[in-house]
Amino acid sequence: MADADDRAAWENLDLGYTQTFGDPLLRKAIAETFEHVEAED
């Protein structure tokens, strides 16, 4: 189900630490399910 960018991210993922707040692109995807919430929220 992944788009081209997310498939590339999955196939080339480095297994290091991630940000405490969470992956910025994941936070953006979550925020897009809201009307008034931004990724930084």
All heavy atoms as atom14 arrays in JSON, in Angstrom:
{
  "sequence": "MADADDRAAWENLDLGYTQTFGDPLLRKAIAETFEHVEAED",
  "atom14_mask": [
    [1, 1, 1, 1, 1, 1, 1, 1, 0, 0, 0, 0, 0, 0],
    [1, 1, 1, 1, 1, 0, 0, 0, 0, 0, 0, 0, 0, 0],
    [1, 1, 1, 1, 1, 1, 1, 1, 0, 0, 0, 0, 0, 0],
    [1, 1, 1, 1, 1, 0, 0, 0, 0, 0, 0, 0, 0, 0],
    [1, 1, 1, 1, 1, 1, 1, 1, 0, 0, 0, 0, 0, 0],
    [1, 1, 1, 1, 1, 1, 1, 1, 0, 0, 0, 0, 0, 0],
    [1, 1, 1, 1, 1, 1, 1, 1, 1, 1, 1, 0, 0, 0],
    [1, 1, 1, 1, 1, 0, 0, 0, 0, 0, 0, 0, 0, 0],
    [1, 1, 1, 1, 1, 0, 0, 0, 0, 0, 0, 0, 0, 0],
    [1, 1, 1, 1, 1, 1, 1, 1, 1, 1, 1, 1, 1, 1],
    [1, 1, 1, 1, 1, 1, 1, 1, 1, 0, 0, 0, 0, 0],
    [1, 1, 1, 1, 1, 1, 1, 1, 0, 0, 0, 0, 0, 0],
    [1, 1, 1, 1, 1, 1, 1, 1, 0, 0, 0, 0, 0, 0],
    [1, 1, 1, 1, 1, 1, 1, 1, 0, 0, 0, 0, 0, 0],
    [1, 1, 1, 1, 1, 1, 1, 1, 0, 0, 0, 0, 0, 0],
    [1, 1, 1, 1, 0, 0, 0, 0, 0, 0, 0, 0, 0, 0],
    [1, 1, 1, 1, 1, 1, 1, 1, 1, 1, 1, 1, 0, 0],
    [1, 1, 1, 1, 1, 1, 1, 0, 0, 0, 0, 0, 0, 0],
    [1, 1, 1, 1, 1, 1, 1, 1, 1, 0, 0, 0, 0, 0],
    [1, 1, 1, 1, 1, 1, 1, 0, 0, 0, 0, 0, 0, 0],
    [1, 1, 1, 1, 1, 1, 1, 1, 1, 1, 1, 0, 0, 0],
    [1, 1, 1, 1, 0, 0, 0, 0, 0, 0, 0, 0, 0, 0],
    [1, 1, 1, 1, 1, 1, 1, 1, 0, 0, 0, 0, 0, 0],
    [1, 1, 1, 1, 1, 1, 1, 0, 0, 0, 0, 0, 0, 0],
    [1, 1, 1, 1, 1, 1, 1, 1, 0, 0, 0, 0, 0, 0],
    [1, 1, 1, 1, 1, 1, 1, 1, 0, 0, 0, 0, 0, 0],
    [1, 1, 1, 1, 1, 1, 1, 1, 1, 1, 1, 0, 0, 0],
    [1, 1, 1, 1, 1, 1, 1, 1, 1, 0, 0, 0, 0, 0],
    [1, 1, 1, 1, 1, 0, 0, 0, 0, 0, 0, 0, 0, 0],
    [1, 1, 1, 1, 1, 1, 1, 1, 0, 0, 0, 0, 0, 0],
    [1, 1, 1, 1, 1, 0, 0, 0, 0, 0, 0, 0, 0, 0],
    [1, 1, 1, 1, 1, 1, 1, 1, 1, 0, 0, 0, 0, 0],
    [1, 1, 1, 1, 1, 1, 1, 0, 0, 0, 0, 0, 0, 0],
    [1, 1, 1, 1, 1, 1, 1, 1, 1, 1, 1, 0, 0, 0],
    [1, 1, 1, 1, 1, 1, 1, 1, 1, 0, 0, 0, 0, 0],
    [1, 1, 1, 1, 1, 1, 1, 1, 1, 1, 0, 0, 0, 0],
    [1, 1, 1, 1, 1, 1, 1, 0, 0, 0, 0, 0, 0, 0],
    [1, 1, 1, 1, 1, 1, 1, 1, 1, 0, 0, 0, 0, 0],
    [1, 1, 1, 1, 1, 0, 0, 0, 0, 0, 0, 0, 0, 0],
    [1, 1, 1, 1, 1, 1, 1, 1, 1, 0, 0, 0, 0, 0],
    [1, 1, 1, 1, 1, 1, 1, 1, 0, 0, 0, 0, 0, 0]
  ],
  "atom14_positions": [
    [[0.81, -1.22, 0.0], [0.0, 0.0, 0.0], [0.84, 1.27, 0.0], [0.3, 2.37, -0.12], [-0.92, 0.02, 1.23], [-1.91, -1.12, 1.3], [-2.93, -1.02, 2.8], [-3.67, -2.66, 2.8], [0.0, 0.0, 0.0], [0.0, 0.0, 0.0], [0.0, 0.0, 0.0], [0.0, 0.0, 0.0], [0.0, 0.0, 0.0], [0.0, 0.0, 0.0]],
    [[2.15, 1.13, 0.15], [3.03, 2.3, 0.26], [3.14, 3.04, -1.07], [3.13, 2.43, -2.14], [4.41, 1.86, 0.72], [0.0, 0.0, 0.0], [0.0, 0.0, 0.0], [0.0, 0.0, 0.0], [0.0, 0.0, 0.0], [0.0, 0.0, 0.0], [0.0, 0.0, 0.0], [0.0, 0.0, 0.0], [0.0, 0.0, 0.0], [0.0, 0.0, 0.0]],
    [[3.26, 4.37, -0.96], [3.59, 5.14, -2.16], [5.09, 5.0, -2.43], [5.83, 4.35, -1.67], [3.18, 6.61, -2.01], [3.82, 7.32, -0.83], [4.95, 6.94, -0.44], [3.22, 8.28, -0.3], [0.0, 0.0, 0.0], [0.0, 0.0, 0.0], [0.0, 0.0, 0.0], [0.0, 0.0, 0.0], [0.0, 0.0, 0.0], [0.0, 0.0, 0.0]],
    [[5.56, 5.57, -3.51], [6.96, 5.38, -3.93], [7.93, 5.87, -2.86], [8.94, 5.21, -2.58], [7.21, 6.09, -5.25], [0.0, 0.0, 0.0], [0.0, 0.0, 0.0], [0.0, 0.0, 0.0], [0.0, 0.0, 0.0], [0.0, 0.0, 0.0], [0.0, 0.0, 0.0], [0.0, 0.0, 0.0], [0.0, 0.0, 0.0], [0.0, 0.0, 0.0]],
    [[7.65, 7.01, -2.26], [8.56, 7.56, -1.25], [8.63, 6.68, -0.01], [9.73, 6.43, 0.52], [8.12, 8.97, -0.86], [8.35, 9.99, -1.96], [9.15, 9.71, -2.88], [7.72, 11.07, -1.91], [0.0, 0.0, 0.0], [0.0, 0.0, 0.0], [0.0, 0.0, 0.0], [0.0, 0.0, 0.0], [0.0, 0.0, 0.0], [0.0, 0.0, 0.0]],
    [[7.48, 6.2, 0.45], [7.48, 5.37, 1.66], [8.06, 3.99, 1.39], [8.71, 3.4, 2.25], [6.06, 5.25, 2.22], [5.59, 6.54, 2.86], [6.45, 7.37, 3.2], [4.36, 6.72, 3.02], [0.0, 0.0, 0.0], [0.0, 0.0, 0.0], [0.0, 0.0, 0.0], [0.0, 0.0, 0.0], [0.0, 0.0, 0.0], [0.0, 0.0, 0.0]],
    [[7.87, 3.47, 0.19], [8.5, 2.18, -0.14], [10.03, 2.33, -0.15], [10.76, 1.48, 0.38], [8.02, 1.67, -1.5], [8.65, 0.32, -1.89], [8.09, -0.17, -3.2], [6.72, -0.6, -3.05], [6.37, -1.81, -2.64], [7.3, -2.71, -2.33], [5.1, -2.14, -2.55], [0.0, 0.0, 0.0], [0.0, 0.0, 0.0], [0.0, 0.0, 0.0]],
    [[10.51, 3.43, -0.7], [11.96, 3.66, -0.71], [12.48, 3.85, 0.71], [13.56, 3.34, 1.07], [12.28, 4.9, -1.56], [0.0, 0.0, 0.0], [0.0, 0.0, 0.0], [0.0, 0.0, 0.0], [0.0, 0.0, 0.0], [0.0, 0.0, 0.0], [0.0, 0.0, 0.0], [0.0, 0.0, 0.0], [0.0, 0.0, 0.0], [0.0, 0.0, 0.0]],
    [[11.71, 4.55, 1.54], [12.11, 4.74, 2.94], [12.19, 3.41, 3.67], [13.1, 3.18, 4.46], [11.13, 5.68, 3.63], [0.0, 0.0, 0.0], [0.0, 0.0, 0.0], [0.0, 0.0, 0.0], [0.0, 0.0, 0.0], [0.0, 0.0, 0.0], [0.0, 0.0, 0.0], [0.0, 0.0, 0.0], [0.0, 0.0, 0.0], [0.0, 0.0, 0.0]],
    [[11.23, 2.52, 3.39], [11.22, 1.2, 4.02], [12.41, 0.36, 3.56], [13.1, -0.26, 4.37], [9.92, 0.49, 3.7], [9.85, -0.93, 4.17], [9.83, -2.04, 3.41], [9.81, -1.37, 5.53], [9.78, -3.17, 4.19], [9.77, -2.78, 5.5], [9.82, -0.72, 6.77], [9.72, -3.54, 6.67], [9.77, -1.48, 7.92], [9.73, -2.88, 7.87]],
    [[12.68, 0.38, 2.28], [13.73, -0.48, 1.74], [15.13, 0.02, 2.1], [16.08, -0.77, 2.13], [13.58, -0.59, 0.22], [12.31, -1.33, -0.19], [12.08, -1.31, -1.69], [12.79, -0.55, -2.4], [11.18, -2.05, -2.16], [0.0, 0.0, 0.0], [0.0, 0.0, 0.0], [0.0, 0.0, 0.0], [0.0, 0.0, 0.0], [0.0, 0.0, 0.0]],
    [[15.27, 1.31, 2.37], [16.59, 1.88, 2.64], [16.72, 2.4, 4.07], [17.61, 3.21, 4.37], [16.86, 3.04, 1.67], [16.84, 2.57, 0.22], [17.73, 1.83, -0.21], [15.84, 3.0, -0.53], [0.0, 0.0, 0.0], [0.0, 0.0, 0.0], [0.0, 0.0, 0.0], [0.0, 0.0, 0.0], [0.0, 0.0, 0.0], [0.0, 0.0, 0.0]],
    [[15.89, 1.89, 4.96], [15.83, 2.4, 6.32], [17.11, 2.11, 7.09], [17.59, 0.97, 7.1], [14.63, 1.77, 7.04], [14.4, 2.21, 8.49], [14.04, 3.69, 8.54], [13.3, 1.35, 9.12], [0.0, 0.0, 0.0], [0.0, 0.0, 0.0], [0.0, 0.0, 0.0], [0.0, 0.0, 0.0], [0.0, 0.0, 0.0], [0.0, 0.0, 0.0]],
    [[17.66, 3.13, 7.72], [18.77, 2.96, 8.66], [18.2, 2.72, 10.04], [17.32, 3.47, 10.5], [19.66, 4.21, 8.69], [20.44, 4.39, 7.4], [20.89, 3.36, 6.84], [20.6, 5.54, 6.97], [0.0, 0.0, 0.0], [0.0, 0.0, 0.0], [0.0, 0.0, 0.0], [0.0, 0.0, 0.0], [0.0, 0.0, 0.0], [0.0, 0.0, 0.0]],
    [[18.7, 1.7, 10.74], [18.14, 1.32, 12.03], [18.81, 2.06, 13.18], [19.35, 1.46, 14.11], [18.21, -0.2, 12.2], [17.38, -0.98, 11.18], [17.58, -2.48, 11.35], [15.91, -0.62, 11.31], [0.0, 0.0, 0.0], [0.0, 0.0, 0.0], [0.0, 0.0, 0.0], [0.0, 0.0, 0.0], [0.0, 0.0, 0.0], [0.0, 0.0, 0.0]],
    [[18.77, 3.36, 13.12], [19.29, 4.18, 14.19], [18.16, 4.7, 15.06], [17.0, 4.36, 14.89], [0.0, 0.0, 0.0], [0.0, 0.0, 0.0], [0.0, 0.0, 0.0], [0.0, 0.0, 0.0], [0.0, 0.0, 0.0], [0.0, 0.0, 0.0], [0.0, 0.0, 0.0], [0.0, 0.0, 0.0], [0.0, 0.0, 0.0], [0.0, 0.0, 0.0]],
    [[18.55, 5.56, 16.01], [17.54, 6.21, 16.84], [16.66, 7.13, 16.0], [17.08, 7.64, 14.95], [18.2, 7.06, 17.93], [18.81, 6.26, 19.05], [20.19, 6.15, 19.19], [18.0, 5.65, 20.01], [20.76, 5.44, 20.23], [18.56, 4.93, 21.06], [19.94, 4.83, 21.17], [20.49, 4.13, 22.2], [0.0, 0.0, 0.0], [0.0, 0.0, 0.0]],
    [[15.44, 7.35, 16.47], [14.55, 8.31, 15.84], [14.27, 9.44, 16.82], [14.7, 9.41, 17.97], [13.23, 7.65, 15.42], [12.56, 7.15, 16.59], [13.5, 6.49, 14.48], [0.0, 0.0, 0.0], [0.0, 0.0, 0.0], [0.0, 0.0, 0.0], [0.0, 0.0, 0.0], [0.0, 0.0, 0.0], [0.0, 0.0, 0.0], [0.0, 0.0, 0.0]],
    [[13.55, 10.44, 16.36], [13.28, 11.61, 17.2], [12.28, 11.26, 18.31], [11.36, 10.48, 18.1], [12.73, 12.74, 16.36], [13.69, 13.25, 15.29], [13.1, 14.41, 14.5], [12.33, 15.2, 15.01], [13.49, 14.51, 13.23], [0.0, 0.0, 0.0], [0.0, 0.0, 0.0], [0.0, 0.0, 0.0], [0.0, 0.0, 0.0], [0.0, 0.0, 0.0]],
    [[12.46, 11.85, 19.49], [11.57, 11.57, 20.61], [10.13, 11.92, 20.27], [9.2, 11.18, 20.6], [12.03, 12.34, 21.86], [13.35, 11.92, 22.21], [11.1, 12.06, 23.04], [0.0, 0.0, 0.0], [0.0, 0.0, 0.0], [0.0, 0.0, 0.0], [0.0, 0.0, 0.0], [0.0, 0.0, 0.0], [0.0, 0.0, 0.0], [0.0, 0.0, 0.0]],
    [[9.91, 13.04, 19.6], [8.55, 13.41, 19.22], [7.98, 12.48, 18.16], [6.76, 12.41, 17.98], [8.52, 14.86, 18.69], [8.23, 15.88, 19.75], [9.25, 16.67, 20.27], [6.95, 16.06, 20.23], [8.97, 17.62, 21.24], [6.66, 17.01, 21.2], [7.68, 17.8, 21.71], [0.0, 0.0, 0.0], [0.0, 0.0, 0.0], [0.0, 0.0, 0.0]],
    [[8.84, 11.76, 17.46], [8.39, 10.87, 16.41], [8.9, 11.32, 15.05], [9.28, 12.47, 14.85], [0.0, 0.0, 0.0], [0.0, 0.0, 0.0], [0.0, 0.0, 0.0], [0.0, 0.0, 0.0], [0.0, 0.0, 0.0], [0.0, 0.0, 0.0], [0.0, 0.0, 0.0], [0.0, 0.0, 0.0], [0.0, 0.0, 0.0], [0.0, 0.0, 0.0]],
    [[8.88, 10.41, 14.11], [9.28, 10.69, 12.73], [8.45, 11.86, 12.19], [7.22, 11.82, 12.23], [9.06, 9.43, 11.89], [9.1, 9.71, 10.4], [10.07, 10.34, 9.95], [8.15, 9.29, 9.7], [0.0, 0.0, 0.0], [0.0, 0.0, 0.0], [0.0, 0.0, 0.0], [0.0, 0.0, 0.0], [0.0, 0.0, 0.0], [0.0, 0.0, 0.0]],
    [[9.09, 12.91, 11.67], [8.33, 14.07, 11.18], [7.29, 13.72, 10.13], [6.19, 14.3, 10.12], [9.43, 14.98, 10.62], [10.66, 14.62, 11.39], [10.55, 13.15, 11.63], [0.0, 0.0, 0.0], [0.0, 0.0, 0.0], [0.0, 0.0, 0.0], [0.0, 0.0, 0.0], [0.0, 0.0, 0.0], [0.0, 0.0, 0.0], [0.0, 0.0, 0.0]],
    [[7.61, 12.8, 9.23], [6.64, 12.44, 8.2], [5.46, 11.64, 8.76], [4.34, 11.74, 8.27], [7.33, 11.66, 7.08], [8.35, 12.47, 6.26], [9.02, 11.57, 5.22], [7.68, 13.66, 5.58], [0.0, 0.0, 0.0], [0.0, 0.0, 0.0], [0.0, 0.0, 0.0], [0.0, 0.0, 0.0], [0.0, 0.0, 0.0], [0.0, 0.0, 0.0]],
    [[5.72, 10.85, 9.8], [4.63, 10.15, 10.48], [3.73, 11.15, 11.19], [2.5, 11.07, 11.11], [5.19, 9.13, 11.48], [4.16, 8.46, 12.4], [3.09, 7.73, 11.61], [4.87, 7.51, 13.38], [0.0, 0.0, 0.0], [0.0, 0.0, 0.0], [0.0, 0.0, 0.0], [0.0, 0.0, 0.0], [0.0, 0.0, 0.0], [0.0, 0.0, 0.0]],
    [[4.32, 12.1, 11.87], [3.53, 13.13, 12.57], [2.7, 13.94, 11.57], [1.56, 14.3, 11.85], [4.46, 14.03, 13.38], [5.17, 13.29, 14.52], [6.3, 14.12, 15.08], [5.81, 15.29, 15.79], [6.56, 16.37, 16.03], [7.81, 16.43, 15.57], [6.05, 17.39, 16.7], [0.0, 0.0, 0.0], [0.0, 0.0, 0.0], [0.0, 0.0, 0.0]],
    [[3.28, 14.19, 10.42], [2.53, 14.92, 9.38], [1.34, 14.1, 8.9], [0.23, 14.63, 8.72], [3.47, 15.23, 8.21], [2.82, 16.0, 7.05], [3.87, 16.33, 5.99], [3.26, 17.17, 4.85], [2.32, 16.39, 4.04], [0.0, 0.0, 0.0], [0.0, 0.0, 0.0], [0.0, 0.0, 0.0], [0.0, 0.0, 0.0], [0.0, 0.0, 0.0]],
    [[1.56, 12.79, 8.7], [0.46, 11.92, 8.25], [-0.65, 11.86, 9.29], [-1.84, 11.9, 8.96], [1.0, 10.52, 7.96], [0.0, 0.0, 0.0], [0.0, 0.0, 0.0], [0.0, 0.0, 0.0], [0.0, 0.0, 0.0], [0.0, 0.0, 0.0], [0.0, 0.0, 0.0], [0.0, 0.0, 0.0], [0.0, 0.0, 0.0], [0.0, 0.0, 0.0]],
    [[-0.28, 11.79, 10.58], [-1.28, 11.78, 11.65], [-2.04, 13.1, 11.67], [-3.27, 13.13, 11.75], [-0.6, 11.52, 13.01], [-0.04, 10.09, 13.06], [-1.6, 11.74, 14.15], [0.89, 9.84, 14.24], [0.0, 0.0, 0.0], [0.0, 0.0, 0.0], [0.0, 0.0, 0.0], [0.0, 0.0, 0.0], [0.0, 0.0, 0.0], [0.0, 0.0, 0.0]],
    [[-1.3, 14.21, 11.58], [-1.94, 15.53, 11.62], [-2.94, 15.71, 10.49], [-3.96, 16.41, 10.65], [-0.87, 16.63, 11.57], [0.0, 0.0, 0.0], [0.0, 0.0, 0.0], [0.0, 0.0, 0.0], [0.0, 0.0, 0.0], [0.0, 0.0, 0.0], [0.0, 0.0, 0.0], [0.0, 0.0, 0.0], [0.0, 0.0, 0.0], [0.0, 0.0, 0.0]],
    [[-2.68, 15.1, 9.36], [-3.58, 15.24, 8.22], [-4.92, 14.53, 8.41], [-5.85, 14.74, 7.63], [-2.88, 14.75, 6.95], [-1.79, 15.73, 6.48], [-0.99, 15.22, 5.3], [-1.16, 14.03, 4.94], [-0.18, 16.0, 4.76], [0.0, 0.0, 0.0], [0.0, 0.0, 0.0], [0.0, 0.0, 0.0], [0.0, 0.0, 0.0], [0.0, 0.0, 0.0]],
    [[-5.04, 13.72, 9.46], [-6.33, 13.12, 9.79], [-7.18, 14.07, 10.64], [-8.34, 13.75, 10.93], [-6.15, 11.79, 10.54], [-5.66, 12.03, 11.86], [-5.21, 10.86, 9.79], [0.0, 0.0, 0.0], [0.0, 0.0, 0.0], [0.0, 0.0, 0.0], [0.0, 0.0, 0.0], [0.0, 0.0, 0.0], [0.0, 0.0, 0.0], [0.0, 0.0, 0.0]],
    [[-6.62, 15.2, 11.05], [-7.33, 16.22, 11.83], [-7.64, 17.42, 10.93], [-7.11, 17.55, 9.83], [-6.46, 16.71, 13.0], [-6.25, 15.7, 14.1], [-5.32, 14.67, 13.95], [-6.95, 15.8, 15.29], [-5.12, 13.75, 14.97], [-6.74, 14.89, 16.31], [-5.83, 13.86, 16.15], [0.0, 0.0, 0.0], [0.0, 0.0, 0.0], [0.0, 0.0, 0.0]],
    [[-8.46, 18.34, 11.45], [-8.77, 19.56, 10.73], [-7.89, 20.73, 11.18], [-7.53, 21.59, 10.37], [-10.25, 19.93, 10.92], [-11.21, 18.98, 10.23], [-12.65, 19.45, 10.33], [-12.86, 20.63, 10.72], [-13.56, 18.67, 10.03], [0.0, 0.0, 0.0], [0.0, 0.0, 0.0], [0.0, 0.0, 0.0], [0.0, 0.0, 0.0], [0.0, 0.0, 0.0]],
    [[-7.56, 20.77, 12.48], [-6.87, 21.94, 13.02], [-5.55, 21.6, 13.71], [-5.0, 22.44, 14.41], [-7.78, 22.68, 14.01], [-9.09, 23.09, 13.41], [-9.19, 24.0, 12.37], [-10.37, 22.71, 13.71], [-10.46, 24.16, 12.06], [-11.19, 23.38, 12.83], [0.0, 0.0, 0.0], [0.0, 0.0, 0.0], [0.0, 0.0, 0.0], [0.0, 0.0, 0.0]],
    [[-5.07, 20.39, 13.53], [-3.83, 19.93, 14.16], [-2.72, 19.92, 13.13], [-2.91, 19.46, 12.0], [-4.03, 18.52, 14.77], [-2.7, 17.88, 15.13], [-4.94, 18.6, 16.0], [0.0, 0.0, 0.0], [0.0, 0.0, 0.0], [0.0, 0.0, 0.0], [0.0, 0.0, 0.0], [0.0, 0.0, 0.0], [0.0, 0.0, 0.0], [0.0, 0.0, 0.0]],
    [[-1.55, 20.42, 13.53], [-0.36, 20.39, 12.67], [0.59, 19.3, 13.15], [0.45, 18.79, 14.26], [0.34, 21.75, 12.69], [-0.53, 22.93, 12.29], [-0.99, 22.86, 10.85], [-0.29, 22.23, 10.03], [-2.05, 23.43, 10.55], [0.0, 0.0, 0.0], [0.0, 0.0, 0.0], [0.0, 0.0, 0.0], [0.0, 0.0, 0.0], [0.0, 0.0, 0.0]],
    [[1.57, 18.98, 12.33], [2.53, 17.94, 12.7], [3.21, 18.25, 14.02], [3.49, 17.34, 14.82], [3.57, 17.78, 11.58], [0.0, 0.0, 0.0], [0.0, 0.0, 0.0], [0.0, 0.0, 0.0], [0.0, 0.0, 0.0], [0.0, 0.0, 0.0], [0.0, 0.0, 0.0], [0.0, 0.0, 0.0], [0.0, 0.0, 0.0], [0.0, 0.0, 0.0]],
    [[3.47, 19.52, 14.29], [4.16, 19.9, 15.53], [3.28, 19.71, 16.76], [3.77, 19.81, 17.89], [4.6, 21.36, 15.44], [3.46, 22.35, 15.31], [3.93, 23.77, 15.1], [5.1, 23.96, 14.73], [3.13, 24.69, 15.32], [0.0, 0.0, 0.0], [0.0, 0.0, 0.0], [0.0, 0.0, 0.0], [0.0, 0.0, 0.0], [0.0, 0.0, 0.0]],
    [[2.0, 19.39, 16.57], [1.08, 19.16, 17.67], [0.97, 17.68, 18.03], [0.11, 17.31, 18.84], [-0.32, 19.68, 17.32], [-0.33, 21.16, 16.97], [0.42, 21.92, 17.62], [-1.08, 21.55, 16.05], [0.0, 0.0, 0.0], [0.0, 0.0, 0.0], [0.0, 0.0, 0.0], [0.0, 0.0, 0.0], [0.0, 0.0, 0.0], [0.0, 0.0, 0.0]]
  ]
}
